Amino acid sequence: MLVGGVFAMAPAAAQVEATTDYLARIDGDGDGRVSLDEYQAWMGYAFERMDADGDGVLVAAELPGGRGQPVSRVAHRQTLAERFALQDGNRDGFLDARELAAPPQ
């Protein structure tokens, strides 16, 4: 899915039924909350898969439909950081299951 010029897809194999399952999959260190680094790693999966030449920039040939403006890994991670900040309702720098399920504030 293209969101704000950036792809925000998680691995297809990571389909989950409940928010707590989603949290468990993203929560790499198992502390019950999602850090920005964990969020960016999870949400950046599609970018990494699509970056065929590994240069850190998705060019038209690497984008769905073979067209669109180039998207850099840096810009993609910045967009993810902005989305993370919107989801972080209590502004503690982490997302819990409730924040993952809630629309951005």
Protein backbone atom coordinates (compact mmCIF):
# COMPACT_ATOMS: atom_id res chain seq x y z
CA MET A 1 0.00 0.00 0.00
CA LEU A 2 1.34 3.44 -0.92
CA VAL A 3 0.84 5.95 1.89
CA GLY A 4 2.07 9.49 1.41
CA GLY A 5 4.47 8.36 -1.32
CA VAL A 6 5.84 5.66 0.94
CA PHE A 7 5.08 1.97 1.14
CA ALA A 8 3.71 0.83 4.44
CA MET A 9 3.18 -2.89 4.13
CA ALA A 10 4.09 -5.61 6.53
CA PRO A 11 5.03 -9.09 5.38
CA ALA A 12 2.03 -10.94 3.96
CA ALA A 13 2.87 -13.94 6.14
CA ALA A 14 2.39 -11.74 9.19
CA GLN A 15 -1.41 -11.64 9.05
CA VAL A 16 -2.79 -11.39 12.57
CA GLU A 17 -6.19 -11.69 14.16
CA ALA A 18 -5.86 -9.41 17.21
CA THR A 19 -3.94 -6.27 18.08
CA THR A 20 -2.00 -8.12 20.77
CA ASP A 21 -0.83 -10.60 18.12
CA TYR A 22 0.26 -7.69 15.95
CA LEU A 23 2.13 -6.15 18.87
CA ALA A 24 3.86 -9.47 19.59
CA ARG A 25 5.08 -9.73 16.00
CA ILE A 26 6.46 -6.18 15.89
CA ASP A 27 7.90 -6.24 19.42
CA GLY A 28 11.37 -7.58 18.60
CA ASP A 29 12.73 -7.44 22.15
CA GLY A 30 9.57 -8.81 23.79
CA ASP A 31 9.13 -5.96 26.26
CA GLY A 32 5.41 -5.56 25.50
CA ARG A 33 5.74 -2.31 23.60
CA VAL A 34 6.96 -1.17 20.20
CA SER A 35 9.86 1.25 19.85
CA LEU A 36 10.39 3.49 16.85
CA ASP A 37 13.21 1.23 15.64
CA GLU A 38 10.97 -1.85 15.87
CA TYR A 39 8.16 -0.02 14.08
CA GLN A 40 10.42 1.17 11.28
CA ALA A 41 11.95 -2.29 10.86
CA TRP A 42 8.53 -3.93 10.62
CA MET A 43 6.93 -1.32 8.42
CA GLY A 44 10.06 -1.04 6.24
CA TYR A 45 9.87 -4.67 5.18
CA ALA A 46 8.19 -3.93 1.84
CA PHE A 47 10.70 -1.21 1.01
CA GLU A 48 13.61 -3.58 1.54
CA ARG A 49 11.96 -6.30 -0.55
CA MET A 50 11.22 -3.90 -3.41
CA ASP A 51 14.69 -2.30 -3.45
CA ALA A 52 16.00 -4.82 -5.97
CA ASP A 53 19.41 -3.24 -6.43
CA GLY A 54 19.84 -2.46 -2.72
CA ASP A 55 20.77 1.16 -3.31
CA GLY A 56 18.34 2.60 -0.76
CA VAL A 57 16.12 4.26 -3.36
CA LEU A 58 12.99 2.86 -4.97
CA VAL A 59 12.93 4.01 -8.57
CA ALA A 60 9.99 3.68 -10.95
CA ALA A 61 11.03 0.21 -12.12
CA GLU A 62 10.96 -1.00 -8.49
CA LEU A 63 7.56 0.51 -7.69
CA PRO A 64 4.22 -1.20 -8.31
CA GLY A 65 3.05 -0.44 -11.81
CA GLY A 66 6.59 0.53 -12.79
CA ARG A 67 6.02 4.22 -12.29
CA GLY A 68 6.16 6.94 -9.68
CA GLN A 69 8.62 9.30 -8.10
CA PRO A 70 11.75 7.84 -6.48
CA VAL A 71 11.45 7.15 -2.74
CA SER A 72 14.59 6.99 -0.61
CA ARG A 73 14.97 4.78 2.44
CA VAL A 74 15.68 7.94 4.47
CA ALA A 75 12.42 9.58 3.34
CA HIS A 76 10.52 6.35 3.94
CA ARG A 77 11.88 6.05 7.50
CA GLN A 78 11.05 9.72 8.16
CA THR A 79 7.46 9.17 7.07
CA LEU A 80 7.27 6.12 9.32
CA ALA A 81 8.64 8.17 12.24
CA GLU A 82 5.95 10.79 11.67
CA ARG A 83 3.24 8.12 11.59
CA PHE A 84 4.69 6.55 14.75
CA ALA A 85 4.54 9.91 16.54
CA LEU A 86 0.87 10.26 15.57
CA GLN A 87 0.10 6.78 16.93
CA ASP A 88 1.97 7.43 20.20
CA GLY A 89 -1.04 8.86 22.03
CA ASN A 90 0.62 9.17 25.44
CA ARG A 91 3.88 10.48 23.92
CA ASP A 92 6.07 8.03 25.82
CA GLY A 93 8.10 7.04 22.76
CA PHE A 94 6.56 3.56 22.51
CA LEU A 95 3.38 2.03 21.12
CA ASP A 96 1.30 -0.38 23.17
CA ALA A 97 -1.47 -2.62 21.81
CA ARG A 98 -4.10 0.08 22.37
CA GLU A 99 -2.09 2.69 20.47
CA LEU A 100 -1.46 0.27 17.62
CA ALA A 101 -5.21 -0.31 17.28
CA ALA A 102 -6.25 3.35 17.62
CA PRO A 103 -6.37 5.83 14.76
CA PRO A 104 -3.55 8.42 14.84
CA GLN A 105 -4.20 11.37 17.16
